[in-house]
Amino acid sequence: MSELHLTAAPEQAGKRIDSWLAEQVEGLTRSAAQNLLAGQAVLCNGQALKKNYKLAGGENVTVRMPELREVDLVPENIPLDIVYEDADIIVVNKPRGMVVHPAAGNWSGTLVNALMYHCGDSLSGINGEHRPGIVHRIDKDTSGLLVVAKNDAAHQSLAAQIAAHTAHRGYEAIVVGSPRLDEGTVDKPIARHKTDRKKMAVVEGGRQAITHYTVIRRYRGYTHMAFSLETGRTHQIRVHMASIGHPIIGDPVYGLKKDRFSDIGGQCLHAARLTLTHPRTGEVLQFSAPLPVYFTDILNKLERMQ
């Protein structure tokens, strides 16, 4: 049993403990936080907290994280594009079309199934039975870099870095139209769509979401852009770009229904860069993944359209 120690900021007073935990531990869902609370694994001053506890601000909270348990998942010999690996972490370049972790409707063929085959039991257990090693996620049809934790100490360190914005993730995408500014920031809160629970949306009172963007190259009707994230909300870049009138091409949820590239099989979004501090050595590590073929093919088409 390992422990994670967190401190509630004064300005977080009034927030429910389950929501707060999900915000503090990147990759921990609210339902997983509620399971920890139900199991009396979240304590303040030695007392177990209930899931409806509201923060006063300033609390020192201890979370007793479960040990890795046997999972009812099948390791699968799926090839992995491994960018870096040691005893604590593994960085992979996830292909487009691969789901990160098993869930209803996707119990096989996921990144987790492939990692279980490659790593055996050497994956952290903090995020539960169906997400061993998973610290953060990218969408099924988003390609690019993910760091995976091989033990709980590494998981805690990486999650803390992401929560504190000291781990940096850089993305590239092609969007519809031409943003007015070459550089800018979208700072809009994101939450579940009020009527379509499968979608996210910009919602007043939602969780803070901040996306910085830079124009790489403008084309006729489209723009190649780079993004860096201060927060890691579900579908963040996709929602933010759609909200300012420049959806990512090929996005089946937030994009245009009819567009030259609406049938490319998913959003043209790639997690190209990742910077983190190694959880054991303290060394700052920087990784990059080249643009995949589907992405460069579109850029070549746009060049010919100029």
Protein backbone atom coordinates (compact mmCIF):
# COMPACT_ATOMS: atom_id res chain seq x y z
CA MET A 1 0.00 0.00 0.00
CA SER A 2 1.50 3.32 -1.08
CA GLU A 3 0.37 6.78 0.01
CA LEU A 4 -0.13 10.00 -1.90
CA HIS A 5 -0.06 13.27 0.09
CA LEU A 6 -1.97 16.29 -1.22
CA THR A 7 -2.75 19.76 0.14
CA ALA A 8 -5.95 21.67 -0.67
CA ALA A 9 -5.38 25.31 -1.63
CA PRO A 10 -7.46 27.97 0.18
CA GLU A 11 -9.21 28.94 -3.05
CA GLN A 12 -10.46 25.34 -3.43
CA ALA A 13 -12.75 25.68 -0.41
CA GLY A 14 -16.25 24.38 -1.12
CA LYS A 15 -15.20 21.84 -3.75
CA ARG A 16 -16.31 18.23 -3.29
CA ILE A 17 -13.50 15.89 -2.36
CA ASP A 18 -14.18 13.40 -5.19
CA SER A 19 -14.05 16.13 -7.85
CA TRP A 20 -10.94 17.62 -6.27
CA LEU A 21 -9.12 14.29 -6.22
CA ALA A 22 -9.93 13.73 -9.90
CA GLU A 23 -8.39 17.13 -10.67
CA GLN A 24 -5.27 16.59 -8.56
CA VAL A 25 -4.34 13.12 -9.78
CA GLU A 26 -4.13 13.22 -13.57
CA GLY A 27 -5.85 10.20 -15.09
CA LEU A 28 -7.86 9.43 -11.93
CA THR A 29 -11.55 9.53 -12.79
CA ARG A 30 -14.19 10.84 -10.42
CA SER A 31 -15.70 7.36 -10.13
CA ALA A 32 -12.27 5.93 -9.23
CA ALA A 33 -11.90 8.67 -6.60
CA GLN A 34 -15.31 7.73 -5.20
CA ASN A 35 -14.20 4.10 -4.95
CA LEU A 36 -11.17 5.19 -2.93
CA LEU A 37 -13.42 7.26 -0.66
CA ALA A 38 -15.89 4.39 -0.25
CA GLY A 39 -12.99 2.15 0.75
CA GLN A 40 -11.95 4.67 3.44
CA ALA A 41 -8.66 5.20 1.62
CA VAL A 42 -8.82 9.03 1.72
CA LEU A 43 -8.00 10.56 5.09
CA CYS A 44 -7.58 13.95 6.73
CA ASN A 45 -6.14 14.11 10.25
CA GLY A 46 -6.52 10.35 10.49
CA GLN A 47 -10.24 10.41 9.69
CA ALA A 48 -11.66 8.82 6.55
CA LEU A 49 -13.49 11.32 4.35
CA LYS A 50 -16.87 10.69 2.71
CA LYS A 51 -17.41 11.30 -0.99
CA ASN A 52 -19.69 14.30 -0.33
CA TYR A 53 -17.12 16.01 1.93
CA LYS A 54 -16.52 19.62 0.91
CA LEU A 55 -13.08 21.13 1.31
CA ALA A 56 -12.52 23.93 3.78
CA GLY A 57 -9.17 24.78 2.16
CA GLY A 58 -5.76 24.03 3.63
CA GLU A 59 -6.42 20.36 4.43
CA ASN A 60 -3.57 17.87 4.22
CA VAL A 61 -5.12 14.83 2.56
CA THR A 62 -3.61 11.35 2.50
CA VAL A 63 -4.70 8.91 -0.21
CA ARG A 64 -3.91 5.24 0.33
CA MET A 65 -3.38 3.87 -3.14
CA PRO A 66 -4.17 0.20 -3.79
CA GLU A 67 -1.50 -2.29 -4.71
CA LEU A 68 -1.49 -3.70 -8.21
CA ARG A 69 -3.99 -6.55 -8.44
CA GLU A 70 -4.44 -9.27 -11.00
CA VAL A 71 -6.47 -7.90 -13.88
CA ASP A 72 -8.94 -9.81 -15.94
CA LEU A 73 -7.39 -8.63 -19.17
CA VAL A 74 -5.50 -10.53 -21.83
CA PRO A 75 -1.96 -9.43 -22.76
CA GLU A 76 -1.72 -9.14 -26.53
CA ASN A 77 1.36 -9.24 -28.71
CA ILE A 78 0.66 -5.94 -30.46
CA PRO A 79 3.70 -4.09 -31.84
CA LEU A 80 4.63 -0.95 -29.90
CA ASP A 81 6.57 2.05 -31.17
CA ILE A 82 8.74 2.52 -28.07
CA VAL A 83 10.50 5.89 -27.92
CA TYR A 84 12.15 5.33 -24.51
CA GLU A 85 12.10 2.71 -21.77
CA ASP A 86 13.80 2.03 -18.43
CA ALA A 87 12.85 0.41 -15.12
CA ASP A 88 10.44 3.23 -14.17
CA ILE A 89 8.79 4.57 -17.31
CA ILE A 90 8.05 3.73 -20.90
CA VAL A 91 7.27 6.33 -23.57
CA VAL A 92 5.34 5.10 -26.60
CA ASN A 93 4.23 6.67 -29.85
CA LYS A 94 0.59 5.55 -30.05
CA PRO A 95 -0.80 4.98 -33.54
CA ARG A 96 -4.01 6.55 -34.70
CA GLY A 97 -7.01 4.27 -34.13
CA MET A 98 -5.72 2.59 -30.96
CA VAL A 99 -7.72 2.98 -27.73
CA VAL A 100 -5.52 3.68 -24.70
CA HIS A 101 -7.22 1.48 -22.09
CA PRO A 102 -9.96 -1.17 -22.06
CA ALA A 103 -13.55 -0.11 -21.43
CA ALA A 104 -17.02 -1.18 -22.49
CA GLY A 105 -16.86 -2.04 -26.18
CA ASN A 106 -13.05 -2.06 -26.28
CA TRP A 107 -11.71 -4.91 -24.15
CA SER A 108 -8.95 -5.91 -26.56
CA GLY A 109 -6.54 -4.33 -28.98
CA THR A 110 -5.81 -1.43 -26.64
CA LEU A 111 -2.51 0.11 -25.63
CA VAL A 112 -2.92 -1.48 -22.19
CA ASN A 113 -3.27 -4.96 -23.72
CA ALA A 114 -0.04 -4.36 -25.66
CA LEU A 115 1.75 -2.96 -22.58
CA MET A 116 0.74 -5.96 -20.46
CA TYR A 117 2.37 -8.26 -23.00
CA HIS A 118 5.51 -6.14 -23.22
CA CYS A 119 5.91 -5.22 -19.52
CA GLY A 120 4.31 -8.16 -17.72
CA ASP A 121 3.50 -7.19 -14.12
CA SER A 122 5.74 -4.10 -14.28
CA LEU A 123 2.98 -1.49 -14.48
CA SER A 124 1.66 0.83 -11.76
CA GLY A 125 -1.64 -0.09 -10.11
CA ILE A 126 -2.83 3.34 -8.98
CA ASN A 127 -5.42 3.80 -11.72
CA GLY A 128 -7.19 0.50 -11.13
CA GLU A 129 -7.50 -2.86 -12.79
CA HIS A 130 -8.29 -1.72 -16.32
CA ARG A 131 -5.75 1.12 -16.56
CA PRO A 132 -2.45 -0.27 -15.25
CA GLY A 133 0.39 2.18 -15.87
CA ILE A 134 -1.81 4.83 -17.46
CA VAL A 135 -0.99 8.31 -16.17
CA HIS A 136 -2.62 10.35 -18.96
CA ARG A 137 -4.53 9.59 -22.14
CA ILE A 138 -4.95 10.72 -25.70
CA ASP A 139 -8.02 10.02 -27.81
CA LYS A 140 -8.37 6.91 -29.96
CA ASP A 141 -7.89 8.79 -33.22
CA THR A 142 -5.15 11.08 -31.89
CA SER A 143 -1.66 9.75 -32.54
CA GLY A 144 1.51 10.45 -30.60
CA LEU A 145 3.39 10.33 -27.32
CA LEU A 146 2.27 8.85 -24.02
CA VAL A 147 4.33 8.17 -20.89
CA VAL A 148 3.41 5.06 -18.92
CA ALA A 149 4.43 4.34 -15.31
CA LYS A 150 6.01 1.00 -14.43
CA ASN A 151 5.60 1.40 -10.67
CA ASP A 152 3.49 3.40 -8.23
CA ALA A 153 6.30 5.78 -7.23
CA ALA A 154 6.82 6.73 -10.88
CA HIS A 155 3.06 7.11 -11.34
CA GLN A 156 2.75 9.49 -8.38
CA SER A 157 5.68 11.59 -9.60
CA LEU A 158 4.38 11.85 -13.17
CA ALA A 159 0.81 12.62 -12.03
CA ALA A 160 2.11 15.36 -9.74
CA GLN A 161 4.14 16.86 -12.61
CA ILE A 162 1.11 16.94 -14.88
CA ALA A 163 -1.06 18.47 -12.13
CA ALA A 164 1.59 21.13 -11.43
CA HIS A 165 2.10 21.84 -15.16
CA THR A 166 5.81 20.97 -14.97
CA ALA A 167 5.37 18.18 -17.51
CA HIS A 168 4.73 19.66 -20.93
CA ARG A 169 2.83 18.16 -23.86
CA GLY A 170 3.01 19.59 -27.35
CA TYR A 171 0.57 18.79 -30.16
CA GLU A 172 0.19 19.57 -33.85
CA ALA A 173 -3.02 19.69 -35.85
CA ILE A 174 -4.50 20.97 -39.08
CA VAL A 175 -7.56 23.16 -38.56
CA VAL A 176 -10.22 24.64 -40.80
CA GLY A 177 -9.77 28.29 -41.69
CA SER A 178 -7.10 30.78 -40.71
CA PRO A 179 -6.90 32.10 -37.12
CA ARG A 180 -6.50 35.86 -36.92
CA LEU A 181 -3.44 35.74 -34.65
CA ASP A 182 -0.19 33.83 -35.19
CA GLU A 183 -0.08 33.07 -31.46
CA GLY A 184 -2.79 33.02 -28.82
CA THR A 185 -4.43 31.33 -25.86
CA VAL A 186 -7.86 29.80 -25.43
CA ASP A 187 -8.89 29.96 -21.76
CA LYS A 188 -12.39 28.51 -21.57
CA PRO A 189 -13.85 26.06 -19.00
CA ILE A 190 -14.79 22.60 -20.23
CA ALA A 191 -17.40 20.15 -18.92
CA ARG A 192 -19.76 17.50 -20.23
CA HIS A 193 -22.18 18.75 -22.85
CA LYS A 194 -25.49 19.55 -21.17
CA THR A 195 -27.59 17.42 -23.52
CA ASP A 196 -25.12 15.06 -25.22
CA ARG A 197 -23.21 13.30 -22.44
CA LYS A 198 -20.77 11.72 -24.91
CA LYS A 199 -19.45 15.15 -25.86
CA MET A 200 -17.50 17.82 -24.03
CA ALA A 201 -18.24 21.52 -24.40
CA VAL A 202 -17.26 24.97 -23.23
CA VAL A 203 -19.51 25.33 -20.18
CA GLU A 204 -19.65 28.16 -17.66
CA GLY A 205 -18.65 26.72 -14.31
CA GLY A 206 -16.76 23.81 -15.91
CA ARG A 207 -13.17 22.85 -15.13
CA GLN A 208 -10.55 25.39 -16.15
CA ALA A 209 -8.93 24.56 -19.48
CA ILE A 210 -6.06 26.50 -21.07
CA THR A 211 -4.63 25.86 -24.54
CA HIS A 212 -1.82 27.88 -26.11
CA TYR A 213 -1.48 27.84 -29.90
CA THR A 214 1.00 28.91 -32.56
CA VAL A 215 0.53 28.99 -36.33
CA ILE A 216 3.12 26.87 -38.15
CA ARG A 217 1.94 27.47 -41.72
CA ARG A 218 -1.15 28.87 -43.36
CA TYR A 219 -2.67 27.22 -46.43
CA ARG A 220 -5.65 28.03 -48.61
CA GLY A 221 -8.58 27.45 -46.24
CA TYR A 222 -6.57 25.55 -43.63
CA THR A 223 -3.81 26.09 -41.05
CA HIS A 224 -1.11 23.83 -39.61
CA MET A 225 -0.84 24.66 -35.90
CA ALA A 226 1.09 23.73 -32.76
CA PHE A 227 -0.44 23.55 -29.28
CA SER A 228 0.78 23.34 -25.70
CA LEU A 229 -1.49 22.49 -22.78
CA GLU A 230 -1.62 23.89 -19.27
CA THR A 231 -4.47 21.52 -18.40
CA GLY A 232 -5.47 18.09 -19.64
CA ARG A 233 -9.22 18.05 -20.05
CA THR A 234 -10.98 15.47 -22.17
CA HIS A 235 -10.98 16.54 -25.86
CA GLN A 236 -9.47 19.88 -24.80
CA ILE A 237 -7.79 20.98 -28.03
CA ARG A 238 -10.67 19.68 -30.14
CA VAL A 239 -13.29 21.55 -28.07
CA HIS A 240 -11.26 24.77 -27.81
CA MET A 241 -10.50 25.02 -31.51
CA ALA A 242 -14.12 24.31 -32.45
CA SER A 243 -15.21 26.99 -29.96
CA ILE A 244 -13.21 29.68 -31.79
CA GLY A 245 -14.43 28.62 -35.21
CA HIS A 246 -11.42 26.58 -36.32
CA PRO A 247 -12.23 22.90 -35.74
CA ILE A 248 -9.64 20.24 -36.43
CA ILE A 249 -10.10 18.63 -39.84
CA GLY A 250 -11.58 15.15 -39.82
CA ASP A 251 -12.99 15.51 -36.28
CA PRO A 252 -16.18 13.42 -36.34
CA VAL A 253 -17.56 14.98 -33.15
CA TYR A 254 -16.59 18.67 -33.15
CA GLY A 255 -15.60 19.21 -36.78
CA LEU A 256 -17.45 20.21 -39.93
CA LYS A 257 -19.87 17.63 -41.27
CA LYS A 258 -18.89 18.39 -44.87
CA ASP A 259 -15.35 19.40 -45.67
CA ARG A 260 -12.61 18.39 -48.10
CA PHE A 261 -11.05 16.28 -45.32
CA SER A 262 -14.13 15.22 -43.34
CA ASP A 263 -13.71 11.58 -44.39
CA ILE A 264 -10.07 11.03 -43.35
CA GLY A 265 -11.05 8.70 -40.50
CA GLY A 266 -10.68 10.92 -37.45
CA GLN A 267 -9.22 14.19 -36.26
CA CYS A 268 -5.82 15.22 -37.66
CA LEU A 269 -4.17 15.69 -34.25
CA HIS A 270 -0.75 14.41 -33.16
CA ALA A 271 0.97 14.50 -29.75
CA ALA A 272 4.38 15.44 -31.12
CA ARG A 273 6.38 16.48 -28.04
CA LEU A 274 6.65 15.48 -24.38
CA THR A 275 8.89 16.92 -21.67
CA LEU A 276 9.04 15.48 -18.15
CA THR A 277 11.32 15.03 -15.16
CA HIS A 278 12.44 11.46 -14.62
CA PRO A 279 10.78 10.23 -11.40
CA ARG A 280 13.93 8.54 -10.10
CA THR A 281 16.92 10.49 -11.45
CA GLY A 282 15.43 13.99 -11.62
CA GLU A 283 16.77 14.41 -15.17
CA VAL A 284 14.65 16.48 -17.55
CA LEU A 285 13.77 14.32 -20.54
CA GLN A 286 12.49 15.58 -23.88
CA PHE A 287 10.85 13.34 -26.47
CA SER A 288 9.47 13.92 -29.94
CA ALA A 289 7.52 11.84 -32.44
CA PRO A 290 7.56 12.70 -36.17
CA LEU A 291 4.31 13.50 -37.92
CA PRO A 292 2.68 10.26 -39.10
CA VAL A 293 2.10 9.49 -42.75
CA TYR A 294 -1.61 10.37 -42.70
CA PHE A 295 -0.70 13.85 -41.43
CA THR A 296 2.12 14.53 -43.92
CA ASP A 297 -0.03 13.27 -46.80
CA ILE A 298 -2.59 15.98 -46.01
CA LEU A 299 0.12 18.64 -45.74
CA ASN A 300 1.40 17.61 -49.18
CA LYS A 301 -2.11 17.94 -50.62
CA LEU A 302 -2.44 21.41 -49.08
CA GLU A 303 0.90 22.42 -50.59
CA ARG A 304 -0.36 21.43 -54.03
CA MET A 305 -3.52 23.50 -53.47
CA GLN A 306 -1.53 26.71 -52.87
